[in-house]
């Protein structure tokens, strides 16, 4: 007699959901994690500045000046560069500041010194040792107009107690003979009215007008008449 196949019920278990997993959709596959790029190896530390320089100049090659078609740089004589730099510096100071140029050695220089003036006072005045406390410009004026302006300026400067003033008169290069206003200023400074107050006067430095202007150094108190002797005008 043939043996009957056993059913699940005959084994003593009932599994109604045994094949349910085959009917459900399979979950999506998770993506693979991104590949991790390893960090580049850290450069080896440089010991000192010399190693740093050699590392930076590793690919540099010196220029061969002896190759055909190239001209070697000119040789520089020892001391030549420094001499040229010194000459350029002196020229620059001469042009910009008048340094190194003695105005008193030119025909346009003018100076005068009063009675009992200290030795070397004109040198100090022309050198700029005294700060200018006031100035007047006589450019473009007639002689009469210039004298009125000059006298008013001098009177106000003395009343204000100023010691050093600047009178701008121009060089008078357009005059057919001697410069008019420049000559008149020297004449007025030596007149009886003002010579008791004038200790000295000189042509100005280039930065203040050069020979086109005059420094005037005034006394603190007027000189007594018995000791007075007007400033001695001097032109080199």
Protein backbone atom coordinates (compact mmCIF):
# COMPACT_ATOMS: atom_id res chain seq x y z
CA UNK A 1 0.00 0.00 0.00
CA UNK A 2 1.39 3.36 -1.08
CA UNK A 3 2.33 5.91 1.66
CA UNK A 4 0.50 9.28 1.53
CA UNK A 5 2.60 12.44 1.50
CA UNK A 6 2.50 14.39 4.70
CA UNK A 7 1.03 17.91 4.67
CA UNK A 8 2.14 20.70 6.98
CA UNK A 9 -0.94 20.12 9.06
CA UNK A 10 0.08 16.50 9.44
CA UNK A 11 3.44 17.61 10.91
CA UNK A 12 1.68 19.42 13.63
CA UNK A 13 2.42 23.05 12.41
CA UNK A 14 0.29 25.52 10.40
CA UNK A 15 2.42 28.16 8.59
CA UNK A 16 0.12 30.46 6.58
CA UNK A 17 2.90 33.23 6.21
CA UNK A 18 5.75 30.95 5.36
CA UNK A 19 6.19 32.35 1.82
CA UNK A 20 5.16 35.96 2.60
CA UNK A 21 8.76 37.25 2.36
CA UNK A 22 8.85 36.21 -1.26
CA UNK A 23 5.85 38.39 -2.05
CA UNK A 24 7.15 41.56 -0.28
CA UNK A 25 9.45 44.00 -2.24
CA UNK A 26 13.07 43.72 -1.38
CA UNK A 27 14.66 46.80 0.28
CA UNK A 28 16.91 48.98 -1.87
CA UNK A 29 20.58 48.34 -1.51
CA UNK A 30 22.38 50.99 0.49
CA UNK A 31 25.06 52.86 -1.51
CA UNK A 32 28.64 52.06 -0.81
CA UNK A 33 30.38 54.61 1.44
CA UNK A 34 32.59 57.12 -0.45
CA UNK A 35 36.18 56.21 -0.80
CA UNK A 36 38.39 58.01 1.64
CA UNK A 37 41.31 59.83 0.01
CA UNK A 38 44.37 59.59 2.18
CA UNK A 39 45.92 62.90 3.26
CA UNK A 40 49.07 63.86 1.38
CA UNK A 41 52.20 63.33 3.35
CA UNK A 42 53.24 66.38 5.33
CA UNK A 43 56.36 68.10 3.99
CA UNK A 44 59.40 67.54 5.96
CA UNK A 45 60.16 70.47 8.27
CA UNK A 46 62.86 72.90 7.17
CA UNK A 47 65.65 73.13 9.65
CA UNK A 48 66.67 76.78 9.14
CA UNK A 49 66.62 79.70 6.68
CA UNK A 50 69.46 78.24 4.64
CA UNK A 51 67.52 75.01 4.05
CA UNK A 52 64.40 77.03 3.22
CA UNK A 53 66.31 79.05 0.63
CA UNK A 54 67.82 75.93 -0.95
CA UNK A 55 64.38 74.31 -1.06
CA UNK A 56 62.85 77.36 -2.80
CA UNK A 57 65.73 77.65 -5.29
CA UNK A 58 65.90 73.96 -6.12
CA UNK A 59 64.66 74.40 -9.72
CA UNK A 60 66.55 77.61 -10.45
CA UNK A 61 69.40 77.44 -12.91
CA UNK A 62 72.06 80.15 -13.27
CA UNK A 63 72.22 82.11 -16.54
CA UNK A 64 75.19 81.34 -18.68
CA UNK A 65 76.41 84.74 -19.86
CA UNK A 66 78.97 83.13 -22.13
CA UNK A 67 76.39 81.61 -24.42
CA UNK A 68 76.53 82.90 -28.05
CA UNK A 69 74.25 85.84 -28.78
CA UNK A 70 74.17 87.14 -25.20
CA UNK A 71 76.07 90.11 -23.84
CA UNK A 72 77.69 89.89 -20.46
CA UNK A 73 76.77 92.66 -17.99
CA UNK A 74 79.27 95.53 -17.89
CA UNK A 75 81.80 95.41 -15.14
CA UNK A 76 81.41 98.10 -12.47
CA UNK A 77 84.53 99.73 -11.14
CA UNK A 78 84.84 99.64 -7.34
CA UNK A 79 83.48 102.85 -5.85
CA UNK A 80 81.98 104.07 -9.15
CA UNK A 81 78.36 103.42 -8.15
CA UNK A 82 78.71 105.15 -4.79
CA UNK A 83 80.38 108.18 -6.41
CA UNK A 84 77.54 108.54 -8.92
CA UNK A 85 74.95 108.24 -6.14
CA UNK A 86 76.70 110.95 -4.13
CA UNK A 87 76.79 113.26 -7.15
CA UNK A 88 73.09 112.70 -7.84
CA UNK A 89 72.23 113.38 -4.19
CA UNK A 90 74.22 116.64 -4.23
CA UNK A 91 72.55 117.72 -7.46
CA UNK A 92 69.11 116.95 -6.02
CA UNK A 93 69.85 119.00 -2.89
CA UNK A 94 71.10 121.87 -5.04
CA UNK A 95 67.98 121.92 -7.23
CA UNK A 96 65.42 121.37 -4.47
CA UNK A 97 66.98 123.19 -1.51
CA UNK A 98 69.89 125.23 -2.84
CA UNK A 99 72.21 123.20 -0.63
CA UNK A 100 75.88 123.32 -1.54
CA UNK A 101 75.54 126.60 -3.49
CA UNK A 102 76.99 129.72 -1.87
CA UNK A 103 74.79 132.66 -2.84
CA UNK A 104 77.27 135.08 -1.28
CA UNK A 105 79.75 134.16 -4.02
CA UNK A 106 77.45 135.49 -6.78
CA UNK A 107 77.17 139.10 -8.06
CA UNK A 108 73.50 139.21 -6.98
CA UNK A 109 74.24 138.65 -3.31
CA UNK A 110 73.62 141.65 -1.03
CA UNK A 111 74.34 142.23 2.64
CA UNK A 112 74.74 145.00 5.19
CA UNK A 113 75.76 145.16 8.84
CA UNK A 114 75.02 147.81 11.46
CA UNK A 115 77.22 149.42 14.05
CA UNK A 116 78.42 147.16 16.91
CA UNK A 117 76.88 144.06 15.31
CA UNK A 118 78.24 140.72 16.58
CA UNK A 119 80.92 139.10 14.39
CA UNK A 120 79.59 136.69 11.81
CA UNK A 121 76.02 137.96 12.16
CA UNK A 122 75.49 138.19 8.39
CA UNK A 123 76.67 134.60 7.94
CA UNK A 124 74.22 133.38 10.54
CA UNK A 125 71.40 135.47 9.11
CA UNK A 126 71.96 134.24 5.57
CA UNK A 127 72.31 130.66 6.80
CA UNK A 128 68.81 130.79 8.26
CA UNK A 129 69.68 130.67 11.96
CA UNK A 130 66.89 133.16 12.71
CA UNK A 131 63.29 132.20 12.00
CA UNK A 132 61.34 134.61 9.79
CA UNK A 133 58.48 136.19 11.71
CA UNK A 134 56.94 138.26 8.93
CA UNK A 135 57.30 139.09 5.24
CA UNK A 136 56.20 141.65 2.69
CA UNK A 137 56.02 141.30 -1.11
CA UNK A 138 56.85 144.37 -3.20
CA UNK A 139 56.52 142.67 -6.59
CA UNK A 140 54.76 144.68 -9.27
CA UNK A 141 54.77 147.96 -7.33
CA UNK A 142 56.23 151.26 -8.40
CA UNK A 143 59.04 152.73 -6.33
CA UNK A 144 56.70 155.10 -4.50
CA UNK A 145 54.12 152.37 -3.85
CA UNK A 146 56.83 149.97 -2.71
CA UNK A 147 58.29 152.51 -0.29
CA UNK A 148 54.91 153.17 1.33
CA UNK A 149 54.25 149.45 1.74
CA UNK A 150 57.80 148.86 3.00
CA UNK A 151 57.63 151.61 5.62
CA UNK A 152 54.24 150.51 6.90
CA UNK A 153 55.49 146.92 7.15
CA UNK A 154 58.66 147.91 9.02
CA UNK A 155 56.75 150.07 11.44
CA UNK A 156 54.28 147.28 12.25
CA UNK A 157 57.08 144.72 12.61
CA UNK A 158 58.96 146.90 15.11
CA UNK A 159 55.82 147.63 17.11
CA UNK A 160 55.06 143.89 17.23
CA UNK A 161 58.57 143.13 18.53
CA UNK A 162 59.56 140.99 15.55
CA UNK A 163 63.26 140.26 15.15
CA UNK A 164 63.65 138.77 11.65
CA UNK A 165 61.55 139.72 8.63
CA UNK A 166 61.72 138.98 4.91
CA UNK A 167 61.38 141.64 2.22
CA UNK A 168 60.59 140.20 -1.24
CA UNK A 169 61.62 142.59 -4.02
CA UNK A 170 62.58 140.39 -6.96
CA UNK A 171 65.89 140.06 -8.72
CA UNK A 172 65.21 142.87 -11.17
CA UNK A 173 66.42 140.91 -14.18
CA UNK A 174 64.08 142.84 -16.46
CA UNK A 175 65.64 146.19 -15.49
CA UNK A 176 67.95 147.58 -18.18
CA UNK A 177 70.48 148.66 -15.53
CA UNK A 178 70.70 147.75 -11.83
CA UNK A 179 67.64 146.11 -10.22
CA UNK A 180 65.42 148.98 -9.06
CA UNK A 181 63.47 147.67 -6.06
CA UNK A 182 66.34 145.57 -4.78
CA UNK A 183 68.64 148.59 -4.77
CA UNK A 184 65.97 150.74 -3.14
CA UNK A 185 65.40 148.25 -0.32
CA UNK A 186 69.11 148.35 0.59
CA UNK A 187 68.96 152.16 0.43
CA UNK A 188 65.87 152.35 2.66
CA UNK A 189 67.36 149.97 5.25
CA UNK A 190 70.40 152.27 5.55
CA UNK A 191 68.35 155.45 5.76
CA UNK A 192 68.23 157.60 8.92
CA UNK A 193 64.73 156.38 9.67
CA UNK A 194 65.47 152.65 9.83
CA UNK A 195 69.21 152.14 10.37
CA UNK A 196 68.85 152.58 14.14
CA UNK A 197 66.64 149.47 14.11
CA UNK A 198 68.55 147.36 11.56
CA UNK A 199 71.24 145.11 12.98
CA UNK A 200 72.02 143.38 9.67
CA UNK A 201 70.50 142.31 6.35
CA UNK A 202 71.48 139.72 3.75
CA UNK A 203 70.11 138.09 0.62
CA UNK A 204 67.82 135.20 1.46
CA UNK A 205 68.37 131.49 0.95
CA UNK A 206 67.03 129.87 -2.20
CA UNK A 207 64.06 128.40 -0.33
CA UNK A 208 63.00 131.95 0.67
CA UNK A 209 63.60 133.66 -2.67
CA UNK A 210 67.38 133.76 -3.00
CA UNK A 211 68.77 137.05 -4.23
CA UNK A 212 65.22 138.17 -4.99
CA UNK A 213 64.51 138.63 -1.26
CA UNK A 214 66.30 140.03 1.77
CA UNK A 215 66.42 138.95 5.39
CA UNK A 216 66.34 141.86 7.85
CA UNK A 217 67.47 141.36 11.45
CA UNK A 218 66.02 144.03 13.76
CA UNK A 219 67.36 145.23 17.09
CA UNK A 220 65.42 144.85 20.30
CA UNK A 221 65.87 148.56 21.04
CA UNK A 222 66.97 151.35 18.71
CA UNK A 223 70.63 152.29 18.74
CA UNK A 224 71.49 155.65 20.33
CA UNK A 225 72.23 158.41 17.86
CA UNK A 226 75.82 158.95 19.01
CA UNK A 227 76.68 155.28 18.28
CA UNK A 228 74.70 155.04 15.08
CA UNK A 229 76.36 154.32 11.81
CA UNK A 230 74.10 152.96 9.12
CA UNK A 231 74.41 149.42 7.83
CA UNK A 232 77.22 149.13 5.40
CA UNK A 233 75.86 147.82 2.16
CA UNK A 234 78.06 145.22 0.50
CA UNK A 235 77.80 143.44 -2.83
CA UNK A 236 80.18 140.74 -3.94
